[in-house]
């Protein structure tokens, strides 16, 4: 698993072998079974995770028991509940595995320390966060102004791996639409 993270890092930023080794030393390998929690509501998030294999989701469950999925993470994605991780306050979110998954976990304090010690790694993470911020802005705009059909077509265009790997009930929760609406839209798309 560490080799996956190493390849990811060296593809993004130029570092010495010593710096890469120092970064990798902060991560611990962890395997999650399908449906196993990495973080539960009410816990404090103490980690940043890198997904080497599998799929995770970050979500919240409302008072009626409905899931509201904020993010899916696949191979070579970073996953955390950053507000809790950096404020050290309990989270209202959960993270669990949608598939059997292999992840690398770094404690938040170690992650912050290693970024200070290796400025190029910090810059890589800032660049990734900037890119993610743009994605989040597009997702908010989509949620506020797109029809259900437009949301689904955007998902097909920009994140086809979700359609292929995620159950329909979770796709509907991610798009903020009902399962019935998603089924109707899929039927229309398949007829074209």
N, C-alpha and C. Protein backbone atom coordinates (compact mmCIF):
# COMPACT_ATOMS: atom_id res chain seq x y z
N UNK A 1 0.81 -1.21 0.00
CA UNK A 1 0.00 0.00 0.00
C UNK A 1 0.85 1.27 0.00
N UNK A 2 1.94 1.23 0.75
CA UNK A 2 2.80 2.41 0.80
C UNK A 2 3.35 2.75 -0.58
N UNK A 3 3.56 1.74 -1.41
CA UNK A 3 4.07 1.98 -2.76
C UNK A 3 3.07 2.79 -3.59
N UNK A 4 1.77 2.55 -3.38
CA UNK A 4 0.73 3.31 -4.09
C UNK A 4 0.82 4.79 -3.71
N UNK A 5 0.94 5.06 -2.41
CA UNK A 5 1.07 6.45 -1.96
C UNK A 5 2.36 7.07 -2.48
N UNK A 6 3.44 6.32 -2.45
CA UNK A 6 4.71 6.84 -2.95
C UNK A 6 4.59 7.24 -4.42
N UNK A 7 4.02 6.36 -5.24
CA UNK A 7 3.85 6.67 -6.66
C UNK A 7 2.96 7.90 -6.86
N UNK A 8 1.93 7.99 -6.05
CA UNK A 8 1.05 9.15 -6.13
C UNK A 8 1.83 10.43 -5.84
N UNK A 9 2.58 10.45 -4.75
CA UNK A 9 3.32 11.65 -4.33
C UNK A 9 4.35 12.05 -5.38
N UNK A 10 5.14 11.08 -5.85
CA UNK A 10 6.19 11.43 -6.82
C UNK A 10 5.61 11.85 -8.17
N UNK A 11 4.37 11.46 -8.45
CA UNK A 11 3.73 11.92 -9.70
C UNK A 11 3.24 13.37 -9.59
N UNK A 12 3.11 13.85 -8.35
CA UNK A 12 2.58 15.20 -8.13
C UNK A 12 3.65 16.24 -7.82
N UNK A 13 4.75 15.80 -7.19
CA UNK A 13 5.73 16.77 -6.70
C UNK A 13 7.12 16.15 -6.70
N UNK A 14 8.13 16.99 -6.92
CA UNK A 14 9.51 16.52 -6.91
C UNK A 14 10.08 16.61 -5.50
N UNK A 15 10.39 15.44 -4.94
CA UNK A 15 10.94 15.36 -3.59
C UNK A 15 12.15 14.45 -3.59
N UNK A 16 13.00 14.63 -2.59
CA UNK A 16 14.12 13.71 -2.43
C UNK A 16 13.60 12.38 -1.89
N UNK A 17 14.40 11.34 -2.05
CA UNK A 17 14.04 10.03 -1.52
C UNK A 17 13.86 10.11 0.00
N UNK A 18 14.70 10.89 0.64
CA UNK A 18 14.62 11.06 2.10
C UNK A 18 13.30 11.71 2.51
N UNK A 19 12.86 12.72 1.75
CA UNK A 19 11.59 13.39 2.06
C UNK A 19 10.41 12.44 1.87
N UNK A 20 10.45 11.66 0.80
CA UNK A 20 9.36 10.70 0.54
C UNK A 20 9.31 9.67 1.68
N UNK A 21 10.47 9.18 2.08
CA UNK A 21 10.54 8.21 3.17
C UNK A 21 9.99 8.80 4.46
N UNK A 22 10.30 10.05 4.71
CA UNK A 22 9.81 10.75 5.92
C UNK A 22 8.28 10.87 5.89
N UNK A 23 7.72 11.18 4.74
CA UNK A 23 6.27 11.29 4.60
C UNK A 23 5.63 9.92 4.82
N UNK A 24 6.13 8.91 4.14
CA UNK A 24 5.55 7.56 4.23
C UNK A 24 5.60 7.01 5.64
N UNK A 25 6.62 7.40 6.41
CA UNK A 25 6.76 6.92 7.79
C UNK A 25 5.62 7.40 8.68
N UNK A 26 4.91 8.43 8.27
CA UNK A 26 3.80 8.97 9.06
C UNK A 26 2.50 8.19 8.87
N UNK A 27 2.46 7.34 7.87
CA UNK A 27 1.22 6.64 7.52
C UNK A 27 1.22 5.20 8.02
N UNK A 28 0.04 4.77 8.48
CA UNK A 28 -0.16 3.38 8.91
C UNK A 28 -1.18 2.75 7.99
N UNK A 29 -0.94 1.49 7.65
CA UNK A 29 -1.84 0.77 6.78
C UNK A 29 -3.05 0.27 7.55
N UNK A 30 -4.22 0.33 6.89
CA UNK A 30 -5.45 -0.13 7.52
C UNK A 30 -6.34 -0.72 6.44
N UNK A 31 -6.99 -1.83 6.77
CA UNK A 31 -7.95 -2.43 5.86
C UNK A 31 -9.34 -2.27 6.45
N UNK A 32 -10.29 -1.93 5.59
CA UNK A 32 -11.69 -1.81 5.99
C UNK A 32 -12.52 -2.79 5.18
N UNK A 33 -13.41 -3.48 5.87
CA UNK A 33 -14.38 -4.32 5.18
C UNK A 33 -15.53 -3.45 4.66
N UNK A 34 -16.21 -3.92 3.67
CA UNK A 34 -17.39 -3.22 3.16
C UNK A 34 -18.33 -2.92 4.34
N UNK A 35 -18.81 -1.70 4.43
CA UNK A 35 -19.72 -1.18 5.46
C UNK A 35 -19.05 -0.91 6.81
N UNK A 36 -17.75 -1.10 6.89
CA UNK A 36 -17.04 -0.82 8.15
C UNK A 36 -16.77 0.68 8.26
N UNK A 37 -16.98 1.21 9.46
CA UNK A 37 -16.77 2.64 9.71
C UNK A 37 -15.29 2.95 9.90
N UNK A 38 -14.91 4.10 9.37
CA UNK A 38 -13.61 4.70 9.67
C UNK A 38 -13.83 5.83 10.67
N UNK A 39 -15.01 6.46 10.60
CA UNK A 39 -15.37 7.56 11.49
C UNK A 39 -16.88 7.53 11.69
N UNK A 40 -17.32 7.76 12.93
CA UNK A 40 -18.75 7.80 13.21
C UNK A 40 -19.14 9.15 13.79
N UNK A 41 -20.40 9.50 13.57
CA UNK A 41 -20.95 10.75 14.10
C UNK A 41 -20.68 10.82 15.61
N UNK A 42 -20.24 11.99 16.07
CA UNK A 42 -19.96 12.20 17.48
C UNK A 42 -18.51 11.98 17.86
N UNK A 43 -17.75 11.29 16.98
CA UNK A 43 -16.32 11.09 17.22
C UNK A 43 -15.56 12.35 16.80
N UNK A 44 -14.35 12.46 17.28
CA UNK A 44 -13.44 13.50 16.79
C UNK A 44 -12.55 12.84 15.75
N UNK A 45 -12.42 13.47 14.60
CA UNK A 45 -11.58 12.94 13.53
C UNK A 45 -10.13 13.32 13.84
N UNK A 46 -9.26 12.32 13.91
CA UNK A 46 -7.85 12.55 14.22
C UNK A 46 -6.93 12.18 13.06
N UNK A 47 -7.46 12.10 11.84
CA UNK A 47 -6.66 11.55 10.76
C UNK A 47 -6.94 12.18 9.41
N UNK A 48 -6.00 11.96 8.52
CA UNK A 48 -6.14 12.18 7.09
C UNK A 48 -5.85 10.81 6.48
N UNK A 49 -6.71 10.33 5.59
CA UNK A 49 -6.52 9.01 5.00
C UNK A 49 -6.32 9.13 3.49
N UNK A 50 -5.46 8.26 2.98
CA UNK A 50 -5.23 8.14 1.55
C UNK A 50 -5.76 6.78 1.13
N UNK A 51 -6.59 6.75 0.10
CA UNK A 51 -7.21 5.50 -0.33
C UNK A 51 -6.31 4.82 -1.37
N UNK A 52 -5.75 3.69 -1.00
CA UNK A 52 -4.90 2.93 -1.92
C UNK A 52 -5.75 2.01 -2.80
N UNK A 53 -6.83 1.47 -2.21
CA UNK A 53 -7.70 0.55 -2.94
C UNK A 53 -9.09 0.62 -2.33
N UNK A 54 -10.12 0.64 -3.19
CA UNK A 54 -11.48 0.60 -2.68
C UNK A 54 -12.20 1.92 -2.82
N UNK A 55 -13.25 2.06 -2.01
CA UNK A 55 -14.10 3.24 -2.09
C UNK A 55 -14.69 3.54 -0.72
N UNK A 56 -14.63 4.81 -0.33
CA UNK A 56 -15.21 5.29 0.93
C UNK A 56 -16.23 6.38 0.62
N UNK A 57 -17.07 6.65 1.61
CA UNK A 57 -17.99 7.78 1.47
C UNK A 57 -18.00 8.58 2.77
N UNK A 58 -18.19 9.89 2.62
CA UNK A 58 -18.37 10.82 3.73
C UNK A 58 -19.82 11.25 3.65
N UNK A 59 -20.56 11.07 4.76
CA UNK A 59 -21.99 11.37 4.72
C UNK A 59 -22.52 11.72 6.10
N UNK A 60 -23.74 12.22 6.09
CA UNK A 60 -24.45 12.57 7.32
C UNK A 60 -25.82 11.91 7.26
N UNK A 61 -26.32 11.49 8.40
CA UNK A 61 -27.65 10.89 8.48
C UNK A 61 -28.56 11.91 9.19
N UNK A 62 -29.69 12.25 8.54
CA UNK A 62 -30.59 13.24 9.15
C UNK A 62 -31.50 12.58 10.18
N UNK A 63 -32.38 13.39 10.80
CA UNK A 63 -33.27 12.91 11.86
C UNK A 63 -34.25 11.85 11.39
N UNK A 64 -34.51 11.80 10.08
CA UNK A 64 -35.44 10.81 9.53
C UNK A 64 -34.71 9.54 9.08
N UNK A 65 -33.40 9.49 9.27
CA UNK A 65 -32.63 8.31 8.88
C UNK A 65 -32.16 8.31 7.44
N UNK A 66 -32.28 9.45 6.76
CA UNK A 66 -31.85 9.54 5.36
C UNK A 66 -30.38 9.93 5.28
N UNK A 67 -29.64 9.27 4.39
CA UNK A 67 -28.24 9.61 4.16
C UNK A 67 -28.14 10.82 3.25
N UNK A 68 -27.17 11.68 3.54
CA UNK A 68 -26.83 12.83 2.69
C UNK A 68 -25.33 12.71 2.42
N UNK A 69 -25.00 12.20 1.24
CA UNK A 69 -23.61 11.91 0.92
C UNK A 69 -22.92 13.16 0.38
N UNK A 70 -21.84 13.51 1.03
CA UNK A 70 -21.07 14.70 0.67
C UNK A 70 -19.99 14.36 -0.35
N UNK A 71 -19.36 13.20 -0.16
CA UNK A 71 -18.21 12.87 -0.99
C UNK A 71 -18.02 11.36 -1.08
N UNK A 72 -17.58 10.93 -2.26
CA UNK A 72 -17.08 9.58 -2.45
C UNK A 72 -15.58 9.68 -2.64
N UNK A 73 -14.85 8.70 -2.17
CA UNK A 73 -13.42 8.67 -2.39
C UNK A 73 -13.01 7.34 -2.97
N UNK A 74 -12.27 7.39 -4.07
CA UNK A 74 -11.79 6.19 -4.75
C UNK A 74 -10.26 6.11 -4.62
N UNK A 75 -9.66 5.21 -5.34
CA UNK A 75 -8.21 5.08 -5.31
C UNK A 75 -7.55 6.43 -5.62
N UNK A 76 -6.49 6.71 -4.86
CA UNK A 76 -5.72 7.95 -5.00
C UNK A 76 -6.49 9.20 -4.58
N UNK A 77 -7.49 9.04 -3.72
CA UNK A 77 -8.21 10.16 -3.13
C UNK A 77 -7.78 10.29 -1.67
N UNK A 78 -7.89 11.49 -1.16
CA UNK A 78 -7.68 11.75 0.26
C UNK A 78 -9.05 11.84 0.92
N UNK A 79 -9.17 11.33 2.14
CA UNK A 79 -10.46 11.35 2.83
C UNK A 79 -10.24 11.71 4.29
N UNK A 80 -11.06 12.64 4.76
CA UNK A 80 -11.05 13.05 6.16
C UNK A 80 -12.31 13.86 6.39
N UNK A 81 -12.61 14.13 7.64
CA UNK A 81 -13.64 15.11 7.96
C UNK A 81 -12.84 16.28 8.50
N UNK A 82 -12.44 17.15 7.60
CA UNK A 82 -11.43 18.16 7.89
C UNK A 82 -11.83 19.15 8.98
N UNK A 83 -13.09 19.52 9.04
CA UNK A 83 -13.49 20.46 10.09
C UNK A 83 -13.21 19.87 11.46
N UNK A 84 -13.60 18.63 11.68
CA UNK A 84 -13.35 17.97 12.96
C UNK A 84 -11.86 17.71 13.16
N UNK A 85 -11.17 17.31 12.09
CA UNK A 85 -9.74 17.00 12.20
C UNK A 85 -8.92 18.20 12.65
N UNK A 86 -9.28 19.37 12.17
CA UNK A 86 -8.47 20.54 12.50
C UNK A 86 -9.00 21.33 13.70
N UNK A 87 -10.31 21.22 13.98
CA UNK A 87 -10.85 21.90 15.17
C UNK A 87 -10.81 21.01 16.40
N UNK A 88 -10.70 19.69 16.17
CA UNK A 88 -10.74 18.67 17.21
C UNK A 88 -12.07 18.69 17.98
N UNK A 89 -13.14 19.00 17.26
CA UNK A 89 -14.49 18.95 17.79
C UNK A 89 -15.22 17.75 17.19
N UNK A 90 -16.22 17.20 17.90
CA UNK A 90 -16.96 16.05 17.37
C UNK A 90 -17.60 16.35 16.02
N UNK A 91 -17.64 15.35 15.19
CA UNK A 91 -18.19 15.48 13.85
C UNK A 91 -19.66 15.09 13.81
N UNK A 92 -20.36 15.61 12.81
CA UNK A 92 -21.73 15.19 12.55
C UNK A 92 -21.76 14.22 11.36
N UNK A 93 -20.59 13.86 10.86
CA UNK A 93 -20.48 13.01 9.68
C UNK A 93 -19.98 11.61 10.03
N UNK A 94 -20.13 10.72 9.07
CA UNK A 94 -19.59 9.37 9.14
C UNK A 94 -18.74 9.14 7.89
N UNK A 95 -17.76 8.28 8.03
CA UNK A 95 -17.01 7.77 6.87
C UNK A 95 -17.04 6.26 6.98
N UNK A 96 -17.47 5.61 5.90
CA UNK A 96 -17.43 4.15 5.89
C UNK A 96 -17.01 3.64 4.52
N UNK A 97 -16.73 2.35 4.46
CA UNK A 97 -16.27 1.72 3.22
C UNK A 97 -17.47 1.20 2.42
N UNK A 98 -17.51 1.54 1.16
CA UNK A 98 -18.53 1.03 0.26
C UNK A 98 -18.08 -0.30 -0.32
N UNK A 99 -16.78 -0.45 -0.45
CA UNK A 99 -16.16 -1.69 -0.92
C UNK A 99 -15.08 -2.07 0.10
N UNK A 100 -14.64 -3.32 0.08
CA UNK A 100 -13.46 -3.66 0.86
C UNK A 100 -12.36 -2.69 0.42
N UNK A 101 -11.70 -2.08 1.37
CA UNK A 101 -10.76 -1.00 1.04
C UNK A 101 -9.46 -1.12 1.81
N UNK A 102 -8.42 -0.59 1.21
CA UNK A 102 -7.11 -0.50 1.84
C UNK A 102 -6.72 0.97 1.86
N UNK A 103 -6.44 1.48 3.05
CA UNK A 103 -6.14 2.89 3.20
C UNK A 103 -4.85 3.08 3.99
N UNK A 104 -4.30 4.26 3.87
CA UNK A 104 -3.15 4.67 4.66
C UNK A 104 -3.59 5.86 5.49
N UNK A 105 -3.39 5.77 6.79
CA UNK A 105 -3.90 6.77 7.72
C UNK A 105 -2.74 7.49 8.40
N UNK A 106 -2.85 8.82 8.43
CA UNK A 106 -1.86 9.66 9.10
C UNK A 106 -2.59 10.50 10.14
N UNK A 107 -2.06 10.54 11.35
CA UNK A 107 -2.65 11.38 12.39
C UNK A 107 -2.57 12.85 11.96
N UNK A 108 -3.60 13.62 12.26
CA UNK A 108 -3.65 15.02 11.85
C UNK A 108 -2.42 15.80 12.32
N UNK A 109 -2.01 15.57 13.56
CA UNK A 109 -0.85 16.31 14.08
C UNK A 109 0.41 15.96 13.29
N UNK A 110 0.58 14.68 12.93
CA UNK A 110 1.74 14.28 12.12
C UNK A 110 1.65 14.86 10.72
N UNK A 111 0.44 14.91 10.19
CA UNK A 111 0.23 15.45 8.84
C UNK A 111 0.60 16.93 8.80
N UNK A 112 0.17 17.67 9.80
CA UNK A 112 0.49 19.10 9.86
C UNK A 112 2.00 19.30 10.04
N UNK A 113 2.61 18.48 10.88
CA UNK A 113 4.06 18.58 11.12
C UNK A 113 4.84 18.30 9.85
N UNK A 114 4.48 17.25 9.14
CA UNK A 114 5.24 16.87 7.94
C UNK A 114 5.09 17.91 6.84
N UNK A 115 3.95 18.58 6.79
CA UNK A 115 3.78 19.66 5.81
C UNK A 115 4.71 20.82 6.13
N UNK A 116 4.86 21.14 7.40
CA UNK A 116 5.78 22.22 7.80
C UNK A 116 7.23 21.86 7.51
N UNK A 117 7.56 20.58 7.71
CA UNK A 117 8.94 20.13 7.50
C UNK A 117 9.30 19.99 6.02
N UNK A 118 8.30 19.73 5.18
CA UNK A 118 8.55 19.52 3.75
C UNK A 118 7.64 20.47 2.95
N UNK A 119 8.11 21.69 2.71
CA UNK A 119 7.28 22.70 2.04
C UNK A 119 6.71 22.27 0.69
N UNK A 120 7.44 21.47 -0.08
CA UNK A 120 6.93 21.03 -1.38
C UNK A 120 5.70 20.12 -1.20
N UNK A 121 5.71 19.31 -0.15
CA UNK A 121 4.55 18.46 0.15
C UNK A 121 3.38 19.34 0.57
N UNK A 122 3.64 20.35 1.37
CA UNK A 122 2.59 21.29 1.78
C UNK A 122 1.99 21.98 0.56
N UNK A 123 2.85 22.40 -0.37
CA UNK A 123 2.35 23.07 -1.58
C UNK A 123 1.49 22.11 -2.38
N UNK A 124 1.91 20.83 -2.47
CA UNK A 124 1.11 19.83 -3.18
C UNK A 124 -0.29 19.73 -2.55
N UNK A 125 -0.35 19.69 -1.22
CA UNK A 125 -1.63 19.57 -0.53
C UNK A 125 -2.47 20.84 -0.70
N UNK A 126 -1.84 22.00 -0.68
CA UNK A 126 -2.58 23.26 -0.91
C UNK A 126 -3.15 23.27 -2.32
N UNK A 127 -2.37 22.83 -3.30
CA UNK A 127 -2.86 22.76 -4.68
C UNK A 127 -4.06 21.81 -4.79
N UNK A 128 -3.97 20.67 -4.11
CA UNK A 128 -5.09 19.71 -4.13
C UNK A 128 -6.32 20.30 -3.46
N UNK A 129 -6.12 21.01 -2.35
CA UNK A 129 -7.24 21.63 -1.65
C UNK A 129 -7.89 22.71 -2.51
N UNK A 130 -7.08 23.46 -3.24
CA UNK A 130 -7.63 24.49 -4.14
C UNK A 130 -8.48 23.85 -5.22
N UNK A 131 -7.98 22.75 -5.79
CA UNK A 131 -8.73 22.03 -6.81
C UNK A 131 -10.04 21.50 -6.22
N UNK A 132 -9.96 20.92 -5.03
CA UNK A 132 -11.16 20.40 -4.37
C UNK A 132 -12.16 21.50 -4.05
N UNK A 133 -11.66 22.67 -3.69
CA UNK A 133 -12.55 23.79 -3.41
C UNK A 133 -13.36 24.15 -4.66
N UNK A 134 -12.71 24.15 -5.82
CA UNK A 134 -13.42 24.41 -7.07
C UNK A 134 -14.48 23.35 -7.35
N UNK A 135 -14.15 22.10 -7.07
CA UNK A 135 -15.12 21.00 -7.26
C UNK A 135 -16.30 21.18 -6.32
N UNK A 136 -16.02 21.55 -5.08
CA UNK A 136 -17.10 21.77 -4.10
C UNK A 136 -18.00 22.92 -4.55
N UNK A 137 -17.40 24.00 -5.06
CA UNK A 137 -18.21 25.12 -5.54
C UNK A 137 -19.15 24.69 -6.67
N UNK A 138 -18.63 23.88 -7.61
CA UNK A 138 -19.46 23.39 -8.71
C UNK A 138 -20.58 22.50 -8.17
N UNK A 139 -20.25 21.68 -7.17
CA UNK A 139 -21.26 20.78 -6.59
C UNK A 139 -22.36 21.58 -5.89
N UNK A 140 -21.99 22.63 -5.17
CA UNK A 140 -22.99 23.48 -4.51
C UNK A 140 -23.86 24.16 -5.56
N UNK A 141 -23.25 24.69 -6.61
CA UNK A 141 -24.01 25.33 -7.67
C UNK A 141 -24.98 24.35 -8.31
N UNK A 142 -24.51 23.15 -8.56
CA UNK A 142 -25.36 22.10 -9.13
C UNK A 142 -26.54 21.80 -8.22
N UNK A 143 -26.26 21.64 -6.93
CA UNK A 143 -27.32 21.32 -5.96
C UNK A 143 -28.37 22.42 -5.88
N UNK A 144 -27.93 23.67 -6.03
CA UNK A 144 -28.84 24.80 -5.88
C UNK A 144 -29.60 25.15 -7.16
N UNK A 145 -28.99 24.88 -8.32
CA UNK A 145 -29.61 25.43 -9.52
C UNK A 145 -29.92 24.43 -10.63
N UNK A 146 -29.47 23.20 -10.54
CA UNK A 146 -29.70 22.23 -11.60
C UNK A 146 -30.93 21.38 -11.32
N UNK A 147 -31.56 20.94 -12.41
CA UNK A 147 -32.65 19.98 -12.29
C UNK A 147 -32.03 18.61 -11.97
N UNK A 148 -32.87 17.67 -11.59
CA UNK A 148 -32.39 16.31 -11.31
C UNK A 148 -31.70 15.72 -12.54
N UNK A 149 -32.27 15.95 -13.71
CA UNK A 149 -31.68 15.44 -14.95
C UNK A 149 -30.32 16.05 -15.20
N UNK A 150 -30.19 17.36 -14.99
CA UNK A 150 -28.90 18.05 -15.20
C UNK A 150 -27.84 17.54 -14.21
N UNK A 151 -28.25 17.30 -12.97
CA UNK A 151 -27.31 16.76 -11.98
C UNK A 151 -26.79 15.40 -12.42
N UNK A 152 -27.68 14.55 -12.89
CA UNK A 152 -27.28 13.21 -13.31
C UNK A 152 -26.35 13.27 -14.53
N UNK A 153 -26.69 14.10 -15.51
CA UNK A 153 -25.85 14.22 -16.70
C UNK A 153 -24.46 14.78 -16.35
N UNK A 154 -24.41 15.70 -15.43
CA UNK A 154 -23.11 16.24 -14.99
C UNK A 154 -22.29 15.13 -14.32
N UNK A 155 -22.95 14.32 -13.51
CA UNK A 155 -22.27 13.20 -12.87
C UNK A 155 -21.74 12.21 -13.91
N UNK A 156 -22.54 11.90 -14.90
CA UNK A 156 -22.11 11.01 -15.99
C UNK A 156 -20.87 11.56 -16.69
N UNK A 157 -20.87 12.86 -16.90
CA UNK A 157 -19.78 13.50 -17.64
C UNK A 157 -18.49 13.62 -16.82
N UNK A 158 -18.61 14.08 -15.58
CA UNK A 158 -17.42 14.40 -14.78
C UNK A 158 -16.97 13.29 -13.83
N UNK A 159 -17.87 12.41 -13.42
CA UNK A 159 -17.50 11.36 -12.48
C UNK A 159 -18.14 10.02 -12.86
N UNK A 160 -17.83 9.51 -14.04
CA UNK A 160 -18.47 8.26 -14.48
C UNK A 160 -18.15 7.06 -13.58
N UNK A 161 -17.04 7.10 -12.84
CA UNK A 161 -16.71 5.99 -11.95
C UNK A 161 -17.76 5.82 -10.86
N UNK A 162 -18.43 6.90 -10.48
CA UNK A 162 -19.49 6.80 -9.47
C UNK A 162 -20.64 5.95 -10.01
N UNK A 163 -21.04 6.21 -11.24
CA UNK A 163 -22.14 5.48 -11.86
C UNK A 163 -21.82 3.99 -11.94
N UNK A 164 -20.57 3.66 -12.21
CA UNK A 164 -20.17 2.27 -12.40
C UNK A 164 -19.97 1.51 -11.09
N UNK A 165 -19.59 2.21 -10.01
CA UNK A 165 -19.18 1.50 -8.80
C UNK A 165 -20.09 1.68 -7.59
N UNK A 166 -21.00 2.63 -7.64
CA UNK A 166 -21.79 2.99 -6.47
C UNK A 166 -23.24 2.52 -6.65
N UNK A 167 -23.84 1.95 -5.60
CA UNK A 167 -25.26 1.55 -5.68
C UNK A 167 -26.19 2.75 -5.95
N UNK A 168 -27.28 2.47 -6.63
CA UNK A 168 -28.23 3.53 -7.02
C UNK A 168 -28.75 4.33 -5.83
N UNK A 169 -29.00 3.67 -4.71
CA UNK A 169 -29.51 4.40 -3.54
C UNK A 169 -28.51 5.45 -3.07
N UNK A 170 -27.23 5.14 -3.16
CA UNK A 170 -26.20 6.09 -2.74
C UNK A 170 -26.02 7.20 -3.77
N UNK A 171 -26.16 6.87 -5.05
CA UNK A 171 -26.09 7.90 -6.08
C UNK A 171 -27.21 8.90 -5.89
N UNK A 172 -28.41 8.41 -5.62
CA UNK A 172 -29.56 9.30 -5.38
C UNK A 172 -29.28 10.20 -4.17
N UNK A 173 -28.74 9.63 -3.09
CA UNK A 173 -28.43 10.42 -1.89
C UNK A 173 -27.36 11.46 -2.19
N UNK A 174 -26.40 11.13 -3.02
CA UNK A 174 -25.33 12.06 -3.41
C UNK A 174 -25.89 13.22 -4.24
N UNK A 175 -26.84 12.90 -5.12
CA UNK A 175 -27.43 13.94 -5.98
C UNK A 175 -28.54 14.72 -5.29
N UNK A 176 -29.01 14.21 -4.16
CA UNK A 176 -30.11 14.88 -3.46
C UNK A 176 -31.45 14.68 -4.13
N UNK A 177 -31.63 13.51 -4.73
CA UNK A 177 -32.90 13.19 -5.39
C UNK A 177 -33.39 11.84 -4.87
N UNK A 178 -34.64 11.51 -5.15
CA UNK A 178 -35.19 10.23 -4.70
C UNK A 178 -34.70 9.10 -5.61
N UNK A 179 -34.76 7.89 -5.09
CA UNK A 179 -34.39 6.71 -5.90
C UNK A 179 -35.29 6.59 -7.12
N UNK A 180 -36.58 6.92 -6.93
CA UNK A 180 -37.54 6.82 -8.03
C UNK A 180 -37.18 7.80 -9.15
N UNK A 181 -36.80 9.01 -8.77
CA UNK A 181 -36.39 10.01 -9.77
C UNK A 181 -35.15 9.55 -10.51
N UNK A 182 -34.19 9.01 -9.77
CA UNK A 182 -32.97 8.50 -10.40
C UNK A 182 -33.30 7.38 -11.37
N UNK A 183 -34.18 6.48 -10.98
CA UNK A 183 -34.56 5.36 -11.84
C UNK A 183 -35.21 5.88 -13.13
N UNK A 184 -36.09 6.87 -12.99
CA UNK A 184 -36.76 7.45 -14.16
C UNK A 184 -35.74 8.10 -15.10
N UNK A 185 -34.80 8.84 -14.55
CA UNK A 185 -33.78 9.51 -15.36
C UNK A 185 -32.91 8.47 -16.07
N UNK A 186 -32.51 7.44 -15.35
CA UNK A 186 -31.68 6.38 -15.96
C UNK A 186 -32.42 5.71 -17.11
N UNK A 187 -33.70 5.45 -16.91
CA UNK A 187 -34.51 4.83 -17.99
C UNK A 187 -34.55 5.72 -19.22
N UNK A 188 -34.71 7.04 -19.01
CA UNK A 188 -34.72 7.99 -20.13
C UNK A 188 -33.37 8.00 -20.85
N UNK A 189 -32.28 7.98 -20.09
CA UNK A 189 -30.95 7.99 -20.69
C UNK A 189 -30.72 6.71 -21.48
N UNK A 190 -31.14 5.58 -20.95
CA UNK A 190 -30.94 4.31 -21.62
C UNK A 190 -31.76 4.17 -22.92
N UNK A 191 -32.90 4.88 -23.00
CA UNK A 191 -33.73 4.83 -24.20
C UNK A 191 -33.14 5.63 -25.34
N UNK A 192 -32.27 6.59 -24.99
CA UNK A 192 -31.70 7.46 -26.05
C UNK A 192 -30.61 6.79 -26.82
